[in-house]
PDB file of N, CA and C in Angstrom:
ATOM      1  N   ARG A   1     -72.953  76.061  57.886  1.00  0.00           N
ATOM      2  CA  ARG A   1     -72.892  76.738  58.805  1.00  0.00           C
ATOM      3  C   ARG A   1     -73.148  76.320  60.133  1.00  0.00           C
ATOM      4  N   ALA A   2     -74.361  75.507  60.258  1.00  0.00           N
ATOM      5  CA  ALA A   2     -75.061  75.040  61.246  1.00  0.00           C
ATOM      6  C   ALA A   2     -74.118  74.471  62.095  1.00  0.00           C
ATOM      7  N   ALA A   3     -73.404  73.133  61.680  1.00  0.00           N
ATOM      8  CA  ALA A   3     -72.667  72.309  62.285  1.00  0.00           C
ATOM      9  C   ALA A   3     -71.490  73.251  62.829  1.00  0.00           C
ATOM     10  N   PHE A   4     -70.995  74.017  61.866  1.00  0.00           N
ATOM     11  CA  PHE A   4     -69.987  74.716  62.450  1.00  0.00           C
ATOM     12  C   PHE A   4     -70.424  75.201  64.157  1.00  0.00           C
ATOM     13  N   SER A   5     -71.820  75.818  64.118  1.00  0.00           N
ATOM     14  CA  SER A   5     -71.748  76.476  65.542  1.00  0.00           C
ATOM     15  C   SER A   5     -72.158  75.442  66.515  1.00  0.00           C
ATOM     16  N   VAL A   6     -72.188  74.422  66.372  1.00  0.00           N
ATOM     17  CA  VAL A   6     -72.444  73.302  67.742  1.00  0.00           C
ATOM     18  C   VAL A   6     -71.305  73.460  68.675  1.00  0.00           C
ATOM     19  N   GLU A   7     -71.159  73.431  69.726  1.00  0.00           N
ATOM     20  CA  GLU A   7     -70.252  73.386  70.731  1.00  0.00           C
ATOM     21  C   GLU A   7     -69.184  72.130  70.766  1.00  0.00           C
ATOM     22  N   TRP A   8     -70.126  71.105  70.665  1.00  0.00           N
ATOM     23  CA  TRP A   8     -68.988  70.321  70.822  1.00  0.00           C
ATOM     24  C   TRP A   8     -68.408  69.478  69.531  1.00  0.00           C
ATOM     25  N   ILE A   9     -68.935  69.811  68.665  1.00  0.00           N
ATOM     26  CA  ILE A   9     -68.389  69.714  67.233  1.00  0.00           C
ATOM     27  C   ILE A   9     -67.390  70.177  66.844  1.00  0.00           C
ATOM     28  N   ALA A  10     -66.916  71.571  66.686  1.00  0.00           N
ATOM     29  CA  ALA A  10     -65.629  72.437  66.648  1.00  0.00           C
ATOM     30  C   ALA A  10     -64.451  71.895  67.150  1.00  0.00           C
ATOM     31  N   PRO A  11     -64.171  71.435  68.546  1.00  0.00           N
ATOM     32  CA  PRO A  11     -62.975  70.913  68.799  1.00  0.00           C
ATOM     33  C   PRO A  11     -62.706  69.554  68.288  1.00  0.00           C
ATOM     34  N   ILE A  12     -63.759  68.852  67.547  1.00  0.00           N
ATOM     35  CA  ILE A  12     -63.510  67.607  67.078  1.00  0.00           C
ATOM     36  C   ILE A  12     -63.015  67.923  65.606  1.00  0.00           C
ATOM     37  N   ALA A  13     -63.770  68.594  64.867  1.00  0.00           N
ATOM     38  CA  ALA A  13     -63.221  69.251  63.606  1.00  0.00           C
ATOM     39  C   ALA A  13     -62.261  69.942  63.435  1.00  0.00           C
ATOM     40  N   ALA A  14     -61.609  70.362  64.251  1.00  0.00           N
ATOM     41  CA  ALA A  14     -60.524  71.461  64.407  1.00  0.00           C
ATOM     42  C   ALA A  14     -59.102  70.568  64.709  1.00  0.00           C
ATOM     43  N   HIS A  15     -59.106  69.408  65.139  1.00  0.00           N
ATOM     44  CA  HIS A  15     -57.569  68.846  65.870  1.00  0.00           C
ATOM     45  C   HIS A  15     -57.522  67.414  64.724  1.00  0.00           C
ATOM     46  N   PRO A  16     -56.446  67.011  64.323  1.00  0.00           N
ATOM     47  CA  PRO A  16     -56.001  65.365  63.628  1.00  0.00           C
ATOM     48  C   PRO A  16     -56.847  64.526  64.593  1.00  0.00           C
ATOM     49  N   GLU A  17     -56.618  64.372  66.358  1.00  0.00           N
ATOM     50  CA  GLU A  17     -57.032  63.486  66.638  1.00  0.00           C
ATOM     51  C   GLU A  17     -57.764  63.985  67.774  1.00  0.00           C
ATOM     52  N   TYR A  18     -58.627  63.430  68.236  1.00  0.00           N
ATOM     53  CA  TYR A  18     -59.504  63.781  69.509  1.00  0.00           C
ATOM     54  C   TYR A  18     -60.341  62.557  70.416  1.00  0.00           C
ATOM     55  N   GLU A  19     -60.207  62.605  71.519  1.00  0.00           N
ATOM     56  CA  GLU A  19     -60.494  61.307  72.237  1.00  0.00           C
ATOM     57  C   GLU A  19     -61.942  61.685  72.993  1.00  0.00           C
ATOM     58  N   VAL A  20     -62.693  61.122  72.741  1.00  0.00           N
ATOM     59  CA  VAL A  20     -64.316  61.136  73.400  1.00  0.00           C
ATOM     60  C   VAL A  20     -64.417  60.313  74.132  1.00  0.00           C
ATOM     61  N   ALA A  21     -65.120  60.313  75.260  1.00  0.00           N
ATOM     62  CA  ALA A  21     -65.589  59.414  76.520  1.00  0.00           C
ATOM     63  C   ALA A  21     -66.693  58.537  76.219  1.00  0.00           C
ATOM     64  N   THR A  22     -66.858  57.254  76.253  1.00  0.00           N
ATOM     65  CA  THR A  22     -68.009  56.628  75.913  1.00  0.00           C
ATOM     66  C   THR A  22     -68.752  55.750  77.223  1.00  0.00           C
ATOM     67  N   SER A  23     -69.334  55.192  77.145  1.00  0.00           N
ATOM     68  CA  SER A  23     -69.555  53.997  77.731  1.00  0.00           C
ATOM     69  C   SER A  23     -69.069  52.930  78.275  1.00  0.00           C
ATOM     70  N   LYS A  24     -68.251  52.733  77.085  1.00  0.00           N
ATOM     71  CA  LYS A  24     -67.139  51.548  77.083  1.00  0.00           C
ATOM     72  C   LYS A  24     -65.884  52.097  77.230  1.00  0.00           C
ATOM     73  N   GLY A  25     -65.576  53.270  77.472  1.00  0.00           N
ATOM     74  CA  GLY A  25     -64.010  53.777  77.680  1.00  0.00           C
ATOM     75  C   GLY A  25     -63.940  54.830  76.755  1.00  0.00           C
ATOM     76  N   PRO A  26     -62.694  55.500  76.840  1.00  0.00           N
ATOM     77  CA  PRO A  26     -62.488  56.434  75.599  1.00  0.00           C
ATOM     78  C   PRO A  26     -62.194  55.842  74.214  1.00  0.00           C
ATOM     79  N   HIS A  27     -62.600  56.552  73.547  1.00  0.00           N
ATOM     80  CA  HIS A  27     -62.363  56.435  71.885  1.00  0.00           C
ATOM     81  C   HIS A  27     -61.626  57.294  70.915  1.00  0.00           C
ATOM     82  N   LEU A  28     -60.792  57.059  70.410  1.00  0.00           N
ATOM     83  CA  LEU A  28     -60.130  58.063  69.736  1.00  0.00           C
ATOM     84  C   LEU A  28     -60.515  58.184  68.362  1.00  0.00           C
ATOM     85  N   ILE A  29     -60.622  59.498  67.938  1.00  0.00           N
ATOM     86  CA  ILE A  29     -61.156  59.656  66.780  1.00  0.00           C
ATOM     87  C   ILE A  29     -60.328  60.356  65.923  1.00  0.00           C
ATOM     88  N   LYS A  30     -60.088  59.844  64.735  1.00  0.00           N
ATOM     89  CA  LYS A  30     -58.969  60.555  63.672  1.00  0.00           C
ATOM     90  C   LYS A  30     -59.665  61.289  62.677  1.00  0.00           C
ATOM     91  N   ASN A  31     -59.270  62.245  62.563  1.00  0.00           N
ATOM     92  CA  ASN A  31     -59.644  63.373  61.412  1.00  0.00           C
ATOM     93  C   ASN A  31     -58.958  62.816  59.809  1.00  0.00           C
ATOM     94  N   THR A  32     -59.504  63.183  59.190  1.00  0.00           N
ATOM     95  CA  THR A  32     -58.798  62.464  57.831  1.00  0.00           C
ATOM     96  C   THR A  32     -58.460  63.649  56.939  1.00  0.00           C
ATOM     97  N   ASN A  33     -59.171  65.123  57.504  1.00  0.00           N
ATOM     98  CA  ASN A  33     -58.781  66.353  56.899  1.00  0.00           C
ATOM     99  C   ASN A  33     -57.180  66.762  56.908  1.00  0.00           C
ATOM    100  N   LYS A  34     -56.395  66.351  55.911  1.00  0.00           N
ATOM    101  CA  LYS A  34     -55.014  66.856  56.180  1.00  0.00           C
ATOM    102  C   LYS A  34     -54.321  68.230  56.106  1.00  0.00           C
ATOM    103  N   LEU A  35     -55.677  69.047  55.869  1.00  0.00           N
ATOM    104  CA  LEU A  35     -54.981  70.575  56.022  1.00  0.00           C
ATOM    105  C   LEU A  35     -54.733  70.827  57.504  1.00  0.00           C
ATOM    106  N   LEU A  36     -55.252  70.064  58.378  1.00  0.00           N
ATOM    107  CA  LEU A  36     -55.050  70.328  59.644  1.00  0.00           C
ATOM    108  C   LEU A  36     -53.718  70.458  60.024  1.00  0.00           C
ATOM    109  N   ASN A  37     -52.884  69.645  59.358  1.00  0.00           N
ATOM    110  CA  ASN A  37     -51.233  69.596  59.745  1.00  0.00           C
ATOM    111  C   ASN A  37     -50.796  70.345  58.742  1.00  0.00           C
ATOM    112  N   ASP A  38     -51.278  71.335  58.212  1.00  0.00           N
ATOM    113  CA  ASP A  38     -50.624  72.402  57.355  1.00  0.00           C
ATOM    114  C   ASP A  38     -50.627  73.646  58.304  1.00  0.00           C
ATOM    115  N   ALA A  39     -49.451  73.783  58.732  1.00  0.00           N
ATOM    116  CA  ALA A  39     -48.999  74.876  59.928  1.00  0.00           C
ATOM    117  C   ALA A  39     -49.565  76.511  59.116  1.00  0.00           C
ATOM    118  N   SER A  40     -49.434  76.367  58.107  1.00  0.00           N
ATOM    119  CA  SER A  40     -49.580  77.816  57.483  1.00  0.00           C
ATOM    120  C   SER A  40     -51.256  78.219  57.268  1.00  0.00           C
ATOM    121  N   LEU A  41     -51.718  77.209  57.685  1.00  0.00           N
ATOM    122  CA  LEU A  41     -53.330  77.560  57.380  1.00  0.00           C
ATOM    123  C   LEU A  41     -54.086  76.969  59.025  1.00  0.00           C
ATOM    124  N   HIS A  42     -54.864  77.789  59.617  1.00  0.00           N
ATOM    125  CA  HIS A  42     -55.934  77.708  60.554  1.00  0.00           C
ATOM    126  C   HIS A  42     -57.305  77.068  60.271  1.00  0.00           C
ATOM    127  N   VAL A  43     -57.172  75.802  60.074  1.00  0.00           N
ATOM    128  CA  VAL A  43     -58.556  74.932  59.959  1.00  0.00           C
ATOM    129  C   VAL A  43     -59.404  74.896  61.103  1.00  0.00           C
ATOM    130  N   THR A  44     -60.534  75.488  61.169  1.00  0.00           N
ATOM    131  CA  THR A  44     -61.563  75.365  62.332  1.00  0.00           C
ATOM    132  C   THR A  44     -62.374  74.258  62.101  1.00  0.00           C
ATOM    133  N   ALA A  45     -62.547  73.993  61.059  1.00  0.00           N
ATOM    134  CA  ALA A  45     -63.530  72.863  60.887  1.00  0.00           C
ATOM    135  C   ALA A  45     -63.553  72.420  59.524  1.00  0.00           C
ATOM    136  N   GLY A  46     -64.138  70.754  58.942  1.00  0.00           N
ATOM    137  CA  GLY A  46     -63.861  70.396  57.638  1.00  0.00           C
ATOM    138  C   GLY A  46     -64.517  69.082  57.559  1.00  0.00           C
ATOM    139  N   LYS A  47     -65.158  68.721  56.549  1.00  0.00           N
ATOM    140  CA  LYS A  47     -65.623  67.393  56.098  1.00  0.00           C
ATOM    141  C   LYS A  47     -65.242  66.771  55.113  1.00  0.00           C
ATOM    142  N   THR A  48     -64.674  65.475  55.189  1.00  0.00           N
ATOM    143  CA  THR A  48     -63.836  64.885  53.825  1.00  0.00           C
ATOM    144  C   THR A  48     -65.125  63.946  53.102  1.00  0.00           C
ATOM    145  N   GLY A  49     -65.188  63.513  52.249  1.00  0.00           N
ATOM    146  CA  GLY A  49     -65.842  62.616  51.721  1.00  0.00           C
ATOM    147  C   GLY A  49     -65.912  62.036  50.053  1.00  0.00           C
ATOM    148  N   PHE A  50     -66.132  61.035  49.983  1.00  0.00           N
ATOM    149  CA  PHE A  50     -65.939  60.392  48.526  1.00  0.00           C
ATOM    150  C   PHE A  50     -67.245  59.794  48.198  1.00  0.00           C
ATOM    151  N   ILE A  51     -67.999  60.226  47.474  1.00  0.00           N
ATOM    152  CA  ILE A  51     -68.667  59.373  45.992  1.00  0.00           C
ATOM    153  C   ILE A  51     -68.495  59.322  44.754  1.00  0.00           C
ATOM    154  N   ASN A  52     -68.998  58.286  43.981  1.00  0.00           N
ATOM    155  CA  ASN A  52     -68.800  57.955  42.803  1.00  0.00           C
ATOM    156  C   ASN A  52     -69.130  59.234  42.048  1.00  0.00           C
ATOM    157  N   GLU A  53     -70.190  59.786  42.217  1.00  0.00           N
ATOM    158  CA  GLU A  53     -71.253  60.628  41.596  1.00  0.00           C
ATOM    159  C   GLU A  53     -70.132  62.171  41.441  1.00  0.00           C
ATOM    160  N   ALA A  54     -69.371  62.616  42.836  1.00  0.00           N
ATOM    161  CA  ALA A  54     -68.999  63.524  43.224  1.00  0.00           C
ATOM    162  C   ALA A  54     -67.180  63.469  43.312  1.00  0.00           C
ATOM    163  N   GLY A  55     -66.903  61.954  42.931  1.00  0.00           N
ATOM    164  CA  GLY A  55     -65.355  62.162  43.458  1.00  0.00           C
ATOM    165  C   GLY A  55     -65.045  62.633  44.692  1.00  0.00           C
ATOM    166  N   TYR A  56     -63.598  62.702  44.816  1.00  0.00           N
ATOM    167  CA  TYR A  56     -63.294  63.438  46.096  1.00  0.00           C
ATOM    168  C   TYR A  56     -64.001  64.780  46.638  1.00  0.00           C
ATOM    169  N   THR A  57     -64.743  64.713  47.758  1.00  0.00           N
ATOM    170  CA  THR A  57     -64.886  66.379  48.079  1.00  0.00           C
ATOM    171  C   THR A  57     -64.346  66.849  49.347  1.00  0.00           C
ATOM    172  N   LEU A  58     -64.712  68.033  49.768  1.00  0.00           N
ATOM    173  CA  LEU A  58     -64.318  68.619  51.217  1.00  0.00           C
ATOM    174  C   LEU A  58     -64.906  69.911  51.402  1.00  0.00           C
ATOM    175  N   VAL A  59     -65.146  70.124  52.319  1.00  0.00           N
ATOM    176  CA  VAL A  59     -65.713  71.356  52.516  1.00  0.00           C
ATOM    177  C   VAL A  59     -64.718  71.203  53.846  1.00  0.00           C
ATOM    178  N   THR A  60     -64.046  72.725  54.121  1.00  0.00           N
ATOM    179  CA  THR A  60     -63.406  73.079  55.286  1.00  0.00           C
ATOM    180  C   THR A  60     -63.746  74.746  55.685  1.00  0.00           C
ATOM    181  N   ARG A  61     -63.631  74.880  56.887  1.00  0.00           N
ATOM    182  CA  ARG A  61     -63.614  76.381  57.138  1.00  0.00           C
ATOM    183  C   ARG A  61     -62.165  76.688  57.739  1.00  0.00           C
ATOM    184  N   MET A  62     -61.395  78.026  57.205  1.00  0.00           N
ATOM    185  CA  MET A  62     -60.214  78.283  57.490  1.00  0.00           C
ATOM    186  C   MET A  62     -60.129  79.495  57.980  1.00  0.00           C
ATOM    187  N   GLN A  63     -59.460  80.086  58.582  1.00  0.00           N
ATOM    188  CA  GLN A  63     -59.429  81.391  59.200  1.00  0.00           C
ATOM    189  C   GLN A  63     -57.874  82.081  59.059  1.00  0.00           C
ATOM    190  N   LYS A  64     -57.916  83.351  58.655  1.00  0.00           N
ATOM    191  CA  LYS A  64     -56.555  83.851  58.727  1.00  0.00           C
ATOM    192  C   LYS A  64     -56.856  85.592  58.757  1.00  0.00           C
ATOM    193  N   ASP A  65     -56.435  85.810  59.825  1.00  0.00           N
ATOM    194  CA  ASP A  65     -56.324  87.435  60.182  1.00  0.00           C
ATOM    195  C   ASP A  65     -57.711  87.802  60.281  1.00  0.00           C
ATOM    196  N   ASP A  66     -58.248  87.053  61.321  1.00  0.00           N
ATOM    197  CA  ASP A  66     -59.520  86.930  61.643  1.00  0.00           C
ATOM    198  C   ASP A  66     -60.669  86.896  60.437  1.00  0.00           C
ATOM    199  N   ARG A  67     -60.524  86.251  59.628  1.00  0.00           N
ATOM    200  CA  ARG A  67     -61.248  86.539  58.171  1.00  0.00           C
ATOM    201  C   ARG A  67     -61.534  84.705  57.883  1.00  0.00           C
ATOM    202  N   ASP A  68     -62.917  84.448  58.151  1.00  0.00           N
ATOM    203  CA  ASP A  68     -63.302  83.102  57.605  1.00  0.00           C
ATOM    204  C   ASP A  68     -63.568  82.809  56.481  1.00  0.00           C
ATOM    205  N   VAL A  69     -63.096  81.679  55.942  1.00  0.00           N
ATOM    206  CA  VAL A  69     -63.145  81.227  54.420  1.00  0.00           C
ATOM    207  C   VAL A  69     -63.638  79.891  54.621  1.00  0.00           C
ATOM    208  N   ILE A  70     -64.898  79.547  53.788  1.00  0.00           N
ATOM    209  CA  ILE A  70     -65.543  78.597  53.723  1.00  0.00           C
ATOM    210  C   ILE A  70     -65.226  78.236  52.334  1.00  0.00           C
ATOM    211  N   VAL A  71     -64.645  76.801  52.122  1.00  0.00           N
ATOM    212  CA  VAL A  71     -64.551  76.264  50.677  1.00  0.00           C
ATOM    213  C   VAL A  71     -65.241  74.935  50.519  1.00  0.00           C
ATOM    214  N   VAL A  72     -65.599  74.966  49.360  1.00  0.00           N
ATOM    215  CA  VAL A  72     -66.433  73.575  49.043  1.00  0.00           C
ATOM    216  C   VAL A  72     -65.364  73.169  47.639  1.00  0.00           C
ATOM    217  N   VAL A  73     -65.239  72.092  47.764  1.00  0.00           N
ATOM    218  CA  VAL A  73     -64.494  71.062  46.541  1.00  0.00           C
ATOM    219  C   VAL A  73     -65.199  69.965  46.204  1.00  0.00           C
ATOM    220  N   LEU A  74     -65.461  70.026  44.970  1.00  0.00           N
ATOM    221  CA  LEU A  74     -66.192  68.743  44.804  1.00  0.00           C
ATOM    222  C   LEU A  74     -65.372  67.898  43.233  1.00  0.00           C
ATOM    223  N   GLY A  75     -65.420  66.764  43.044  1.00  0.00           N
ATOM    224  CA  GLY A  75     -64.827  66.462  41.777  1.00  0.00           C
ATOM    225  C   GLY A  75     -63.669  66.091  41.260  1.00  0.00           C
ATOM    226  N   CYS A  76     -62.947  65.928  42.712  1.00  0.00           N
ATOM    227  CA  CYS A  76     -61.342  65.811  42.490  1.00  0.00           C
ATOM    228  C   CYS A  76     -61.097  64.337  42.413  1.00  0.00           C
ATOM    229  N   ASP A  77     -60.248  64.060  41.542  1.00  0.00           N
ATOM    230  CA  ASP A  77     -59.671  62.480  40.931  1.00  0.00           C
ATOM    231  C   ASP A  77     -59.054  62.090  42.140  1.00  0.00           C
ATOM    232  N   THR A  78     -58.489  62.686  43.041  1.00  0.00           N
ATOM    233  CA  THR A  78     -57.751  61.874  44.401  1.00  0.00           C
ATOM    234  C   THR A  78     -58.053  62.955  45.373  1.00  0.00           C
ATOM    235  N   VAL A  79     -57.957  62.241  46.514  1.00  0.00           N
ATOM    236  CA  VAL A  79     -58.171  63.265  47.853  1.00  0.00           C
ATOM    237  C   VAL A  79     -57.083  64.301  48.341  1.00  0.00           C
ATOM    238  N   THR A  80     -55.840  64.096  47.559  1.00  0.00           N
ATOM    239  CA  THR A  80     -54.649  64.992  47.717  1.00  0.00           C
ATOM    240  C   THR A  80     -55.318  66.064  46.888  1.00  0.00           C
ATOM    241  N   HIS A  81     -55.690  65.972  45.782  1.00  0.00           N
ATOM    242  CA  HIS A  81     -56.100  67.510  44.991  1.00  0.00           C
ATOM    243  C   HIS A  81     -57.396  67.960  45.664  1.00  0.00           C
ATOM    244  N   SER A  82     -58.055  66.805  46.624  1.00  0.00           N
ATOM    245  CA  SER A  82     -59.214  68.042  47.175  1.00  0.00           C
ATOM    246  C   SER A  82     -58.304  69.284  47.993  1.00  0.00           C
ATOM    247  N   PHE A  83     -57.339  68.631  48.955  1.00  0.00           N
ATOM    248  CA  PHE A  83     -56.878  69.131  49.692  1.00  0.00           C
ATOM    249  C   PHE A  83     -55.816  70.515  49.014  1.00  0.00           C
ATOM    250  N   GLN A  84     -55.073  70.192  48.209  1.00  0.00           N
ATOM    251  CA  GLN A  84     -54.410  71.011  47.268  1.00  0.00           C
ATOM    252  C   GLN A  84     -55.499  72.346  46.686  1.00  0.00           C
ATOM    253  N   ASP A  85     -56.746  71.820  46.144  1.00  0.00           N
ATOM    254  CA  ASP A  85     -57.631  72.647  45.733  1.00  0.00           C
ATOM    255  C   ASP A  85     -58.144  73.466  46.816  1.00  0.00           C
ATOM    256  N   ALA A  86     -58.502  73.147  47.828  1.00  0.00           N
ATOM    257  CA  ALA A  86     -59.263  73.867  48.606  1.00  0.00           C
ATOM    258  C   ALA A  86     -58.068  75.025  49.607  1.00  0.00           C
ATOM    259  N   LYS A  87     -57.121  74.568  49.544  1.00  0.00           N
ATOM    260  CA  LYS A  87     -55.777  75.405  49.925  1.00  0.00           C
ATOM    261  C   LYS A  87     -55.541  76.545  49.152  1.00  0.00           C
ATOM    262  N   ALA A  88     -55.538  76.166  47.696  1.00  0.00           N
ATOM    263  CA  ALA A  88     -55.163  77.151  46.691  1.00  0.00           C
ATOM    264  C   ALA A  88     -56.657  78.100  46.520  1.00  0.00           C
ATOM    265  N   LEU A  89     -57.915  77.885  46.569  1.00  0.00           N
ATOM    266  CA  LEU A  89     -59.044  78.721  46.962  1.00  0.00           C
ATOM    267  C   LEU A  89     -58.923  79.318  48.060  1.00  0.00           C
ATOM    268  N   ALA A  90     -58.854  79.159  49.136  1.00  0.00           N
ATOM    269  CA  ALA A  90     -58.932  80.056  50.496  1.00  0.00           C
ATOM    270  C   ALA A  90     -57.696  80.918  50.250  1.00  0.00           C
ATOM    271  N   GLU A  91     -56.507  80.647  49.706  1.00  0.00           N
ATOM    272  CA  GLU A  91     -55.400  81.632  49.656  1.00  0.00           C
ATOM    273  C   GLU A  91     -55.855  82.372  48.699  1.00  0.00           C
ATOM    274  N   LYS A  92     -56.508  82.465  47.438  1.00  0.00           N
ATOM    275  CA  LYS A  92     -57.089  83.269  46.432  1.00  0.00           C
ATOM    276  C   LYS A  92     -57.982  84.115  47.344  1.00  0.00           C
ATOM    277  N   ALA A  93     -58.798  83.336  47.955  1.00  0.00           N
ATOM    278  CA  ALA A  93     -60.079  84.331  48.540  1.00  0.00           C
ATOM    279  C   ALA A  93     -59.286  85.144  49.572  1.00  0.00           C
ATOM    280  N   TRP A  94     -58.330  84.971  50.260  1.00  0.00           N
ATOM    281  CA  TRP A  94     -57.760  85.874  51.258  1.00  0.00           C
ATOM    282  C   TRP A  94     -56.652  86.890  50.392  1.00  0.00           C
ATOM    283  N   MET A  95     -56.009  86.506  49.389  1.00  0.00           N
ATOM    284  CA  MET A  95     -55.446  87.713  48.720  1.00  0.00           C
ATOM    285  C   MET A  95     -56.452  88.717  47.964  1.00  0.00           C
ATOM    286  N   GLN A  96     -57.604  88.271  47.315  1.00  0.00           N
ATOM    287  CA  GLN A  96     -58.385  89.428  46.741  1.00  0.00           C
ATOM    288  C   GLN A  96     -59.172  89.671  47.598  1.00  0.00           C
ATOM    289  N   GLY A  97     -59.109  89.538  49.307  1.00  0.00           N
ATOM    290  CA  GLY A  97     -59.808  90.084  50.288  1.00  0.00           C
ATOM    291  C   GLY A  97     -61.461  89.935  50.328  1.00  0.00           C
ATOM    292  N   LYS A  98     -61.735  88.554  49.759  1.00  0.00           N
ATOM    293  CA  LYS A  98     -62.968  88.289  50.274  1.00  0.00           C
ATOM    294  C   LYS A  98     -63.336  87.450  50.978  1.00  0.00           C
ATOM    295  N   THR A  99     -64.517  87.209  51.477  1.00  0.00           N
ATOM    296  CA  THR A  99     -64.691  86.346  52.756  1.00  0.00           C
ATOM    297  C   THR A  99     -65.532  85.179  52.370  1.00  0.00           C
ATOM    298  N   ALA A 100     -65.283  84.543  51.368  1.00  0.00           N
ATOM    299  CA  ALA A 100     -65.924  83.363  50.578  1.00  0.00           C
ATOM    300  C   ALA A 100     -65.370  83.027  49.253  1.00  0.00           C
ATOM    301  N   ALA A 101     -64.902  81.879  49.187  1.00  0.00           N
ATOM    302  CA  ALA A 101     -64.240  81.419  47.535  1.00  0.00           C
ATOM    303  C   ALA A 101     -65.150  80.769  47.199  1.00  0.00           C
ATOM    304  N   ARG A 102     -65.329  80.997  45.474  1.00  0.00           N
ATOM    305  CA  ARG A 102     -66.458  80.739  44.892  1.00  0.00           C
ATOM    306  C   ARG A 102     -65.853  80.197  43.430  1.00  0.00           C
TER     307      ARG A 102
END
């Protein structure tokens, strides 16, 4: 949650692409969180990853009806499954009226 509260991180983490100014000129950052392209979701932040021990991983914060849900997915065999699992967990949490998926 600490990273989500840093002002300059939120706009970068919540958009598929973000341009930043550097001393060498503009630099385009491309976000790999495919949930940002899902019109049914309002993704406000996230981090994708992969390591052998954990497989494909995803931490993402989504919002629906002014309710935040933070989902953590570990151990997926494909990056696509990490996005599918995160979306399913968030939808389940919202349907059950919870504020966090477990």
